[in-house]
Amino acid sequence: MTGQPAISLPVHHDDASGLPVGVQIVAAPWREDLLLQVAHLLEQALPWTGRRPPVS
């Protein structure tokens, strides 16, 4: 509604539940380029693609 691009990224897993904990990043209007650059750097610093919560 505000025209600001945003992205939500899983960056951590809760030790008690194993569920992902995320962070939302919001950029200025028309700054998708900056948003994607920051998201990419965050993914490199905190890789999450291989993580899976335990199944009980």
PDB file of N, CA and C in Angstrom:
ATOM      1  N   MET A   1       0.813  -1.188   0.000  1.00  0.00           N
ATOM      2  CA  MET A   1       0.000   0.000   0.000  1.00  0.00           C
ATOM      3  C   MET A   1       0.863   1.261   0.000  1.00  0.00           C
ATOM      4  N   THR A   2       2.042   1.200   0.620  1.00  0.00           N
ATOM      5  CA  THR A   2       2.882   2.397   0.709  1.00  0.00           C
ATOM      6  C   THR A   2       3.837   2.527  -0.465  1.00  0.00           C
ATOM      7  N   GLY A   3       3.959   1.481  -1.266  1.00  0.00           N
ATOM      8  CA  GLY A   3       4.877   1.513  -2.396  1.00  0.00           C
ATOM      9  C   GLY A   3       6.297   1.167  -2.029  1.00  0.00           C
ATOM     10  N   GLN A   4       6.513   0.752  -0.790  1.00  0.00           N
ATOM     11  CA  GLN A   4       7.853   0.389  -0.352  1.00  0.00           C
ATOM     12  C   GLN A   4       8.062  -1.108  -0.559  1.00  0.00           C
ATOM     13  N   PRO A   5       9.138  -1.497  -1.255  1.00  0.00           N
ATOM     14  CA  PRO A   5       9.406  -2.922  -1.427  1.00  0.00           C
ATOM     15  C   PRO A   5       9.874  -3.535  -0.113  1.00  0.00           C
ATOM     16  N   ALA A   6       9.476  -4.768   0.123  1.00  0.00           N
ATOM     17  CA  ALA A   6       9.847  -5.456   1.356  1.00  0.00           C
ATOM     18  C   ALA A   6      10.102  -6.922   1.054  1.00  0.00           C
ATOM     19  N   ILE A   7      10.910  -7.544   1.893  1.00  0.00           N
ATOM     20  CA  ILE A   7      11.191  -8.973   1.773  1.00  0.00           C
ATOM     21  C   ILE A   7      11.324  -9.542   3.180  1.00  0.00           C
ATOM     22  N   SER A   8      10.875 -10.767   3.346  1.00  0.00           N
ATOM     23  CA  SER A   8      10.992 -11.464   4.625  1.00  0.00           C
ATOM     24  C   SER A   8      11.916 -12.657   4.415  1.00  0.00           C
ATOM     25  N   LEU A   9      12.911 -12.780   5.288  1.00  0.00           N
ATOM     26  CA  LEU A   9      13.911 -13.834   5.144  1.00  0.00           C
ATOM     27  C   LEU A   9      14.035 -14.643   6.428  1.00  0.00           C
ATOM     28  N   PRO A  10      14.084 -15.971   6.330  1.00  0.00           N
ATOM     29  CA  PRO A  10      14.364 -16.777   7.519  1.00  0.00           C
ATOM     30  C   PRO A  10      15.861 -16.691   7.826  1.00  0.00           C
ATOM     31  N   VAL A  11      16.211 -16.290   9.025  1.00  0.00           N
ATOM     32  CA  VAL A  11      17.625 -16.107   9.359  1.00  0.00           C
ATOM     33  C   VAL A  11      18.088 -16.946  10.545  1.00  0.00           C
ATOM     34  N   HIS A  12      17.165 -17.608  11.219  1.00  0.00           N
ATOM     35  CA  HIS A  12      17.534 -18.350  12.433  1.00  0.00           C
ATOM     36  C   HIS A  12      16.479 -19.417  12.678  1.00  0.00           C
ATOM     37  N   HIS A  13      16.843 -20.432  13.458  1.00  0.00           N
ATOM     38  CA  HIS A  13      15.871 -21.431  13.918  1.00  0.00           C
ATOM     39  C   HIS A  13      15.793 -21.372  15.433  1.00  0.00           C
ATOM     40  N   ASP A  14      14.585 -21.354  15.951  1.00  0.00           N
ATOM     41  CA  ASP A  14      14.372 -21.383  17.393  1.00  0.00           C
ATOM     42  C   ASP A  14      14.833 -22.740  17.917  1.00  0.00           C
ATOM     43  N   ASP A  15      15.712 -22.743  18.896  1.00  0.00           N
ATOM     44  CA  ASP A  15      16.250 -24.001  19.418  1.00  0.00           C
ATOM     45  C   ASP A  15      15.178 -24.872  20.061  1.00  0.00           C
ATOM     46  N   ALA A  16      14.208 -24.263  20.708  1.00  0.00           N
ATOM     47  CA  ALA A  16      13.176 -25.030  21.404  1.00  0.00           C
ATOM     48  C   ALA A  16      12.218 -25.717  20.433  1.00  0.00           C
ATOM     49  N   SER A  17      11.790 -25.010  19.411  1.00  0.00           N
ATOM     50  CA  SER A  17      10.787 -25.575  18.498  1.00  0.00           C
ATOM     51  C   SER A  17      11.370 -26.015  17.165  1.00  0.00           C
ATOM     52  N   GLY A  18      12.542 -25.496  16.808  1.00  0.00           N
ATOM     53  CA  GLY A  18      13.128 -25.803  15.515  1.00  0.00           C
ATOM     54  C   GLY A  18      12.509 -25.022  14.371  1.00  0.00           C
ATOM     55  N   LEU A  19      11.567 -24.143  14.688  1.00  0.00           N
ATOM     56  CA  LEU A  19      10.896 -23.370  13.648  1.00  0.00           C
ATOM     57  C   LEU A  19      11.737 -22.165  13.233  1.00  0.00           C
ATOM     58  N   PRO A  20      11.588 -21.735  11.984  1.00  0.00           N
ATOM     59  CA  PRO A  20      12.380 -20.598  11.524  1.00  0.00           C
ATOM     60  C   PRO A  20      11.914 -19.275  12.135  1.00  0.00           C
ATOM     61  N   VAL A  21      12.879 -18.410  12.331  1.00  0.00           N
ATOM     62  CA  VAL A  21      12.622 -17.045  12.794  1.00  0.00           C
ATOM     63  C   VAL A  21      13.077 -16.132  11.664  1.00  0.00           C
ATOM     64  N   GLY A  22      12.244 -15.171  11.299  1.00  0.00           N
ATOM     65  CA  GLY A  22      12.558 -14.335  10.149  1.00  0.00           C
ATOM     66  C   GLY A  22      12.762 -12.885  10.501  1.00  0.00           C
ATOM     67  N   VAL A  23      13.235 -12.170   9.507  1.00  0.00           N
ATOM     68  CA  VAL A  23      13.402 -10.725   9.599  1.00  0.00           C
ATOM     69  C   VAL A  23      12.791 -10.124   8.332  1.00  0.00           C
ATOM     70  N   GLN A  24      12.142  -8.990   8.479  1.00  0.00           N
ATOM     71  CA  GLN A  24      11.589  -8.302   7.325  1.00  0.00           C
ATOM     72  C   GLN A  24      12.426  -7.056   7.070  1.00  0.00           C
ATOM     73  N   ILE A  25      12.811  -6.885   5.808  1.00  0.00           N
ATOM     74  CA  ILE A  25      13.598  -5.724   5.402  1.00  0.00           C
ATOM     75  C   ILE A  25      12.726  -4.890   4.468  1.00  0.00           C
ATOM     76  N   VAL A  26      12.703  -3.587   4.700  1.00  0.00           N
ATOM     77  CA  VAL A  26      11.905  -2.675   3.892  1.00  0.00           C
ATOM     78  C   VAL A  26      12.835  -1.606   3.328  1.00  0.00           C
ATOM     79  N   ALA A  27      12.664  -1.305   2.050  1.00  0.00           N
ATOM     80  CA  ALA A  27      13.483  -0.283   1.399  1.00  0.00           C
ATOM     81  C   ALA A  27      12.611   0.902   0.987  1.00  0.00           C
ATOM     82  N   ALA A  28      13.256   1.933   0.566  1.00  0.00           N
ATOM     83  CA  ALA A  28      12.550   3.116   0.075  1.00  0.00           C
ATOM     84  C   ALA A  28      11.840   2.787  -1.238  1.00  0.00           C
ATOM     85  N   PRO A  29      10.829   3.543  -1.588  1.00  0.00           N
ATOM     86  CA  PRO A  29      10.153   3.308  -2.858  1.00  0.00           C
ATOM     87  C   PRO A  29      11.146   3.296  -4.032  1.00  0.00           C
ATOM     88  N   TRP A  30      10.929   2.363  -4.938  1.00  0.00           N
ATOM     89  CA  TRP A  30      11.739   2.198  -6.152  1.00  0.00           C
ATOM     90  C   TRP A  30      13.167   1.747  -5.875  1.00  0.00           C
ATOM     91  N   ARG A  31      13.433   1.190  -4.675  1.00  0.00           N
ATOM     92  CA  ARG A  31      14.795   0.727  -4.349  1.00  0.00           C
ATOM     93  C   ARG A  31      14.845  -0.790  -4.199  1.00  0.00           C
ATOM     94  N   GLU A  32      14.174  -1.481  -5.097  1.00  0.00           N
ATOM     95  CA  GLU A  32      14.232  -2.938  -5.093  1.00  0.00           C
ATOM     96  C   GLU A  32      15.663  -3.427  -5.261  1.00  0.00           C
ATOM     97  N   ASP A  33      16.467  -2.684  -6.027  1.00  0.00           N
ATOM     98  CA  ASP A  33      17.860  -3.074  -6.238  1.00  0.00           C
ATOM     99  C   ASP A  33      18.610  -3.151  -4.909  1.00  0.00           C
ATOM    100  N   LEU A  34      18.448  -2.147  -4.069  1.00  0.00           N
ATOM    101  CA  LEU A  34      19.107  -2.138  -2.766  1.00  0.00           C
ATOM    102  C   LEU A  34      18.566  -3.258  -1.878  1.00  0.00           C
ATOM    103  N   LEU A  35      17.271  -3.445  -1.901  1.00  0.00           N
ATOM    104  CA  LEU A  35      16.644  -4.491  -1.093  1.00  0.00           C
ATOM    105  C   LEU A  35      17.196  -5.867  -1.460  1.00  0.00           C
ATOM    106  N   LEU A  36      17.295  -6.159  -2.744  1.00  0.00           N
ATOM    107  CA  LEU A  36      17.795  -7.452  -3.184  1.00  0.00           C
ATOM    108  C   LEU A  36      19.281  -7.619  -2.885  1.00  0.00           C
ATOM    109  N   GLN A  37      20.039  -6.542  -2.950  1.00  0.00           N
ATOM    110  CA  GLN A  37      21.461  -6.618  -2.597  1.00  0.00           C
ATOM    111  C   GLN A  37      21.634  -6.967  -1.118  1.00  0.00           C
ATOM    112  N   VAL A  38      20.872  -6.312  -0.260  1.00  0.00           N
ATOM    113  CA  VAL A  38      20.955  -6.589   1.180  1.00  0.00           C
ATOM    114  C   VAL A  38      20.489  -8.011   1.481  1.00  0.00           C
ATOM    115  N   ALA A  39      19.407  -8.445   0.848  1.00  0.00           N
ATOM    116  CA  ALA A  39      18.909  -9.804   1.055  1.00  0.00           C
ATOM    117  C   ALA A  39      19.948 -10.837   0.613  1.00  0.00           C
ATOM    118  N   HIS A  40      20.603 -10.568  -0.492  1.00  0.00           N
ATOM    119  CA  HIS A  40      21.640 -11.480  -0.983  1.00  0.00           C
ATOM    120  C   HIS A  40      22.804 -11.574   0.000  1.00  0.00           C
ATOM    121  N   LEU A  41      23.259 -10.433   0.500  1.00  0.00           N
ATOM    122  CA  LEU A  41      24.352 -10.431   1.476  1.00  0.00           C
ATOM    123  C   LEU A  41      23.960 -11.152   2.760  1.00  0.00           C
ATOM    124  N   LEU A  42      22.732 -10.962   3.195  1.00  0.00           N
ATOM    125  CA  LEU A  42      22.254 -11.626   4.398  1.00  0.00           C
ATOM    126  C   LEU A  42      22.181 -13.135   4.191  1.00  0.00           C
ATOM    127  N   GLU A  43      21.742 -13.559   3.015  1.00  0.00           N
ATOM    128  CA  GLU A  43      21.690 -14.991   2.718  1.00  0.00           C
ATOM    129  C   GLU A  43      23.088 -15.596   2.692  1.00  0.00           C
ATOM    130  N   GLN A  44      24.060 -14.880   2.185  1.00  0.00           N
ATOM    131  CA  GLN A  44      25.434 -15.374   2.189  1.00  0.00           C
ATOM    132  C   GLN A  44      25.987 -15.480   3.602  1.00  0.00           C
ATOM    133  N   ALA A  45      25.666 -14.506   4.443  1.00  0.00           N
ATOM    134  CA  ALA A  45      26.173 -14.502   5.820  1.00  0.00           C
ATOM    135  C   ALA A  45      25.468 -15.537   6.696  1.00  0.00           C
ATOM    136  N   LEU A  46      24.182 -15.765   6.445  1.00  0.00           N
ATOM    137  CA  LEU A  46      23.380 -16.684   7.256  1.00  0.00           C
ATOM    138  C   LEU A  46      22.625 -17.655   6.336  1.00  0.00           C
ATOM    139  N   PRO A  47      23.334 -18.604   5.717  1.00  0.00           N
ATOM    140  CA  PRO A  47      22.646 -19.494   4.769  1.00  0.00           C
ATOM    141  C   PRO A  47      21.564 -20.320   5.460  1.00  0.00           C
ATOM    142  N   TRP A  48      20.418 -20.426   4.816  1.00  0.00           N
ATOM    143  CA  TRP A  48      19.296 -21.135   5.428  1.00  0.00           C
ATOM    144  C   TRP A  48      18.693 -22.203   4.513  1.00  0.00           C
ATOM    145  N   THR A  49      19.154 -22.312   3.291  1.00  0.00           N
ATOM    146  CA  THR A  49      18.496 -23.208   2.327  1.00  0.00           C
ATOM    147  C   THR A  49      18.556 -24.672   2.730  1.00  0.00           C
ATOM    148  N   GLY A  50      19.565 -25.076   3.475  1.00  0.00           N
ATOM    149  CA  GLY A  50      19.690 -26.473   3.871  1.00  0.00           C
ATOM    150  C   GLY A  50      19.046 -26.810   5.197  1.00  0.00           C
ATOM    151  N   ARG A  51      18.526 -25.827   5.896  1.00  0.00           N
ATOM    152  CA  ARG A  51      17.936 -26.078   7.222  1.00  0.00           C
ATOM    153  C   ARG A  51      16.503 -26.583   7.097  1.00  0.00           C
ATOM    154  N   ARG A  52      16.171 -27.530   7.931  1.00  0.00           N
ATOM    155  CA  ARG A  52      14.809 -28.062   7.983  1.00  0.00           C
ATOM    156  C   ARG A  52      14.424 -28.257   9.445  1.00  0.00           C
ATOM    157  N   PRO A  53      13.203 -27.898   9.816  1.00  0.00           N
ATOM    158  CA  PRO A  53      12.759 -28.136  11.198  1.00  0.00           C
ATOM    159  C   PRO A  53      12.598 -29.631  11.426  1.00  0.00           C
ATOM    160  N   PRO A  54      12.803 -30.069  12.653  1.00  0.00           N
ATOM    161  CA  PRO A  54      12.630 -31.497  12.950  1.00  0.00           C
ATOM    162  C   PRO A  54      11.172 -31.908  12.803  1.00  0.00           C
ATOM    163  N   VAL A  55      10.969 -33.127  12.350  1.00  0.00           N
ATOM    164  CA  VAL A  55       9.613 -33.672  12.211  1.00  0.00           C
ATOM    165  C   VAL A  55       9.399 -34.651  13.348  1.00  0.00           C
ATOM    166  N   SER A  56       8.317 -34.438  14.075  1.00  0.00           N
ATOM    167  CA  SER A  56       8.045 -35.338  15.216  1.00  0.00           C
ATOM    168  C   SER A  56       6.811 -36.156  14.979  1.00  0.00           C
TER     169      SER A  56
END
